[in-house]
Amino acid sequence: MIEIRDVVKKYGDKTVLKNITFTVNDGDIFAFIGHNGAGKTTLIKAITGIHDFDGGEILINGKSIQKEPIACKEEMAYVPDNPELYDNMRAIDFINFICDMYGVSQEKREKNIKKYAKVFELENNMNDTIDSFSHGMKQKVALMAALAHDPKVLIMDEPFVGLDPKAVFDMKEIMRQMVKDGKTIFFSTHILDVAEKLCTRVAIIKKGELIKVGNMKTVKGDKSLEKIFLELEK
């Protein structure tokens, strides 16, 4: 569960997050949408402990990201909008490095790495250095590293960008299985039709303010999510 309570973030005199409040429950696939510059990435970096914030509180499974950052991070995985990996490392070494940080057993990591390498069709590339990979392949490695330690909370910023259609389909299936297992998924996206079909709940942010949040069916009603988004953004 992610609880965001009256979160405020400022850069100098500019307030970029204005008393943001909502909850992402266990079993939710929660979409966070808004135009570029609306505050999506800023909030995601606050949730993950990358950025501090100036007011309010963020709890990960009941723990404060400000007071207990390590305990919070032990339960989450984060996939940024740009997969900035260690280019001189082999893919297998990078994923093992992440597993080391999370204390993943040898048996568990081998099982998960084998599983996700097959899903993302990287079985023949695991010993290649990351600098030889395309953007889409780097995105797959970032996703594999996030999934390999079986996080309770998965947070992603534009996770589908650069992925081929099969990888998008497979990632959606992985997300559906995760929430069936009681995990929590929160991600930003500009691909509104994917969000509409995949997500149980949605929040729309505009210029740092939350303008709509709730059950996907309730928020969009008889309209498409795209139409609701465009109407609210006027």
Protein backbone atom coordinates (compact mmCIF):
# COMPACT_ATOMS: atom_id res chain seq x y z
CA MET A 1 0.00 0.00 0.00
CA ILE A 2 1.13 3.54 -0.79
CA GLU A 3 -0.41 6.37 1.21
CA ILE A 4 0.19 9.92 0.00
CA ARG A 5 -1.05 12.54 2.43
CA ASP A 6 -1.08 16.27 1.62
CA VAL A 7 2.29 16.14 -0.12
CA VAL A 8 3.83 19.48 -1.08
CA LYS A 9 6.99 19.95 -3.13
CA LYS A 10 8.59 23.29 -3.94
CA TYR A 11 11.47 24.41 -6.12
CA GLY A 12 12.29 27.86 -4.83
CA ASP A 13 9.13 29.96 -5.02
CA LYS A 14 7.41 27.49 -7.34
CA THR A 15 5.09 24.85 -5.85
CA VAL A 16 5.13 21.83 -8.14
CA LEU A 17 3.06 19.47 -5.95
CA LYS A 18 0.09 21.02 -4.17
CA ASN A 19 -1.30 18.98 -1.27
CA ILE A 20 -1.47 15.70 -3.17
CA THR A 21 -3.53 13.05 -1.37
CA PHE A 22 -4.53 9.56 -2.48
CA THR A 23 -3.99 5.90 -1.61
CA VAL A 24 -2.81 3.00 -3.75
CA ASN A 25 -4.13 -0.19 -2.18
CA ASP A 26 -2.76 -3.71 -2.28
CA GLY A 27 -4.13 -5.36 -5.41
CA ASP A 28 -4.36 -2.06 -7.31
CA ILE A 29 -2.89 -1.35 -10.71
CA PHE A 30 -2.94 2.42 -10.38
CA ALA A 31 -2.34 4.78 -13.32
CA PHE A 32 -0.95 8.27 -12.78
CA ILE A 33 -1.51 10.51 -15.79
CA GLY A 34 -0.94 14.11 -16.78
CA HIS A 35 0.82 16.30 -19.34
CA ASN A 36 4.59 16.72 -19.38
CA GLY A 37 5.58 18.97 -16.48
CA ALA A 38 2.41 18.24 -14.50
CA GLY A 39 4.35 16.76 -11.58
CA LYS A 40 4.18 13.02 -12.23
CA THR A 41 7.90 12.24 -12.10
CA THR A 42 8.39 14.63 -9.16
CA LEU A 43 5.83 12.72 -7.10
CA ILE A 44 7.23 9.35 -8.14
CA LYS A 45 10.72 10.43 -7.04
CA ALA A 46 9.26 11.61 -3.74
CA ILE A 47 7.52 8.26 -3.22
CA THR A 48 10.74 6.36 -3.92
CA GLY A 49 12.85 8.57 -1.67
CA ILE A 50 14.93 10.09 -4.46
CA HIS A 51 13.56 13.59 -3.83
CA ASP A 52 12.65 15.07 -0.49
CA PHE A 53 9.39 17.02 -0.16
CA ASP A 54 8.33 20.07 1.80
CA GLY A 55 5.11 18.99 3.44
CA GLY A 56 2.84 16.02 4.05
CA GLU A 57 3.69 12.36 4.42
CA ILE A 58 4.28 9.31 2.23
CA LEU A 59 3.88 5.82 3.69
CA ILE A 60 4.93 2.54 2.08
CA ASN A 61 3.10 -0.32 3.78
CA GLY A 62 2.72 1.84 6.87
CA LYS A 63 6.34 3.07 6.97
CA SER A 64 7.40 6.67 6.36
CA ILE A 65 9.70 7.18 3.37
CA GLN A 66 11.28 10.12 5.23
CA LYS A 67 11.72 8.42 8.60
CA GLU A 68 12.37 4.84 7.47
CA PRO A 69 13.74 5.12 3.91
CA ILE A 70 15.70 1.86 3.92
CA ALA A 71 12.77 -0.18 5.28
CA CYS A 72 10.52 1.35 2.61
CA LYS A 73 12.96 0.72 -0.21
CA GLU A 74 13.38 -2.90 0.84
CA GLU A 75 9.72 -3.46 -0.09
CA MET A 76 9.66 -1.60 -3.40
CA ALA A 77 11.14 -1.62 -6.87
CA TYR A 78 11.46 1.46 -9.06
CA VAL A 79 11.76 1.65 -12.84
CA PRO A 80 12.58 5.21 -14.03
CA ASP A 81 11.42 6.76 -17.28
CA ASN A 82 14.94 6.52 -18.71
CA PRO A 83 16.81 3.27 -18.01
CA GLU A 84 20.16 4.71 -16.90
CA LEU A 85 22.10 1.52 -16.26
CA TYR A 86 25.81 0.74 -15.90
CA ASP A 87 26.73 0.43 -19.57
CA ASN A 88 30.05 -1.33 -18.94
CA MET A 89 28.37 -4.18 -17.05
CA ARG A 90 26.92 -7.31 -18.54
CA ALA A 91 23.14 -7.59 -18.21
CA ILE A 92 23.44 -10.62 -15.91
CA ASP A 93 25.94 -8.80 -13.70
CA PHE A 94 23.72 -5.75 -13.37
CA ILE A 95 20.69 -7.79 -12.37
CA ASN A 96 22.77 -9.80 -9.88
CA PHE A 97 24.09 -6.52 -8.47
CA ILE A 98 20.50 -5.39 -7.79
CA CYS A 99 19.69 -8.80 -6.29
CA ASP A 100 22.73 -8.47 -4.02
CA MET A 101 21.44 -5.15 -2.68
CA TYR A 102 18.10 -6.75 -1.85
CA GLY A 103 19.65 -9.88 -0.33
CA VAL A 104 17.99 -12.23 -2.81
CA SER A 105 18.98 -15.87 -2.37
CA GLN A 106 20.92 -17.60 -5.16
CA GLU A 107 18.08 -20.03 -5.78
CA LYS A 108 15.43 -17.30 -6.04
CA ARG A 109 17.46 -15.02 -8.27
CA GLU A 110 18.44 -17.79 -10.66
CA LYS A 111 14.81 -18.84 -10.97
CA ASN A 112 13.55 -15.29 -11.56
CA ILE A 113 16.35 -14.23 -13.91
CA LYS A 114 15.78 -17.33 -16.03
CA LYS A 115 12.03 -16.73 -16.01
CA TYR A 116 12.16 -13.06 -17.04
CA ALA A 117 15.00 -13.50 -19.54
CA LYS A 118 12.75 -15.94 -21.35
CA VAL A 119 9.69 -13.66 -21.09
CA PHE A 120 11.58 -10.64 -22.46
CA GLU A 121 13.52 -12.69 -25.03
CA LEU A 122 16.94 -11.78 -23.61
CA GLU A 123 18.19 -15.32 -22.98
CA ASN A 124 20.93 -14.96 -25.59
CA ASN A 125 21.96 -11.45 -24.46
CA MET A 126 22.52 -11.83 -20.73
CA ASN A 127 26.31 -12.01 -21.13
CA ASP A 128 26.44 -8.96 -23.41
CA THR A 129 27.44 -5.55 -22.06
CA ILE A 130 24.60 -3.10 -21.66
CA ASP A 131 26.25 -0.50 -23.91
CA SER A 132 25.49 -2.79 -26.87
CA PHE A 133 21.76 -2.76 -26.12
CA SER A 134 19.01 -0.72 -27.76
CA HIS A 135 16.79 1.51 -25.62
CA GLY A 136 14.10 -1.18 -25.57
CA MET A 137 16.56 -3.86 -24.45
CA LYS A 138 17.82 -1.59 -21.67
CA GLN A 139 14.22 -1.07 -20.58
CA LYS A 140 13.78 -4.83 -20.40
CA VAL A 141 16.91 -5.17 -18.24
CA ALA A 142 15.60 -2.46 -15.91
CA LEU A 143 12.28 -4.30 -15.62
CA MET A 144 14.03 -7.62 -15.00
CA ALA A 145 16.14 -6.06 -12.24
CA ALA A 146 13.01 -4.63 -10.63
CA LEU A 147 11.11 -7.90 -10.82
CA ALA A 148 13.93 -10.26 -9.84
CA HIS A 149 13.60 -9.57 -6.10
CA ASP A 150 9.80 -9.99 -6.13
CA PRO A 151 8.87 -6.55 -4.73
CA LYS A 152 5.71 -5.95 -2.73
CA VAL A 153 5.34 -2.49 -4.31
CA LEU A 154 6.26 -1.78 -7.95
CA ILE A 155 6.62 1.87 -9.00
CA MET A 156 7.29 2.72 -12.65
CA ASP A 157 7.62 5.91 -14.68
CA GLU A 158 6.50 5.34 -18.29
CA PRO A 159 7.41 1.62 -18.24
CA PHE A 160 6.14 0.80 -21.75
CA VAL A 161 8.21 3.38 -23.65
CA GLY A 162 10.60 1.63 -26.03
CA LEU A 163 9.15 -1.83 -25.53
CA ASP A 164 8.08 -3.91 -28.52
CA PRO A 165 4.42 -5.05 -28.68
CA LYS A 166 5.16 -8.52 -27.30
CA ALA A 167 7.08 -7.11 -24.35
CA VAL A 168 4.22 -4.68 -23.63
CA PHE A 169 1.76 -7.58 -23.65
CA ASP A 170 3.98 -9.72 -21.43
CA MET A 171 4.59 -6.89 -18.97
CA LYS A 172 0.86 -6.31 -18.64
CA GLU A 173 0.38 -10.00 -17.88
CA ILE A 174 3.11 -9.85 -15.24
CA MET A 175 1.40 -6.84 -13.64
CA ARG A 176 -1.97 -8.60 -13.58
CA GLN A 177 -0.42 -11.63 -11.88
CA MET A 178 1.36 -9.45 -9.34
CA VAL A 179 -1.84 -7.79 -8.16
CA LYS A 180 -3.58 -11.18 -8.00
CA ASP A 181 -0.84 -12.04 -5.51
CA GLY A 182 -1.70 -8.94 -3.47
CA LYS A 183 1.12 -6.69 -4.71
CA THR A 184 0.76 -2.95 -5.36
CA ILE A 185 1.53 -1.31 -8.72
CA PHE A 186 1.72 2.44 -9.35
CA PHE A 187 2.90 3.84 -12.67
CA SER A 188 2.74 6.89 -14.87
CA THR A 189 1.92 6.63 -18.56
CA HIS A 190 0.92 8.62 -21.60
CA ILE A 191 -0.56 5.51 -23.24
CA LEU A 192 -4.12 6.10 -22.12
CA ASP A 193 -5.75 3.14 -23.83
CA VAL A 194 -3.37 0.81 -22.00
CA ALA A 195 -4.15 2.53 -18.71
CA GLU A 196 -7.88 2.30 -19.35
CA LYS A 197 -7.83 -1.42 -20.08
CA LEU A 198 -5.23 -2.43 -17.51
CA CYS A 199 -5.75 -0.29 -14.42
CA THR A 200 -8.27 -0.53 -11.59
CA ARG A 201 -7.76 3.05 -10.40
CA VAL A 202 -6.44 6.31 -11.83
CA ALA A 203 -5.32 9.77 -10.78
CA ILE A 204 -5.03 12.79 -13.08
CA ILE A 205 -2.64 15.60 -12.17
CA LYS A 206 -2.54 19.09 -13.73
CA LYS A 207 0.04 21.74 -12.88
CA GLY A 208 0.81 20.06 -9.58
CA GLU A 209 -2.82 19.64 -8.50
CA LEU A 210 -4.80 16.44 -8.34
CA ILE A 211 -7.91 17.06 -10.42
CA LYS A 212 -9.41 13.55 -10.49
CA VAL A 213 -8.81 10.31 -8.61
CA GLY A 214 -10.82 7.14 -8.17
CA ASN A 215 -11.96 3.84 -9.60
CA MET A 216 -11.28 3.69 -13.35
CA LYS A 217 -14.90 2.95 -14.26
CA THR A 218 -16.17 5.77 -12.05
CA VAL A 219 -13.68 8.32 -13.35
CA LYS A 220 -14.32 7.69 -17.03
CA GLY A 221 -17.99 6.79 -16.89
CA ASP A 222 -19.33 6.15 -20.40
CA LYS A 223 -16.46 8.02 -22.05
CA SER A 224 -12.94 6.94 -22.90
CA LEU A 225 -10.13 7.81 -20.53
CA GLU A 226 -8.56 9.82 -23.34
CA LYS A 227 -11.67 11.99 -23.68
CA ILE A 228 -11.95 12.50 -19.91
CA PHE A 229 -8.26 13.44 -19.77
CA LEU A 230 -8.54 15.96 -22.58
CA GLU A 231 -11.68 17.52 -21.07
CA LEU A 232 -10.08 17.91 -17.66
CA GLU A 233 -6.87 19.33 -19.13
CA LYS A 234 -8.64 22.21 -20.91
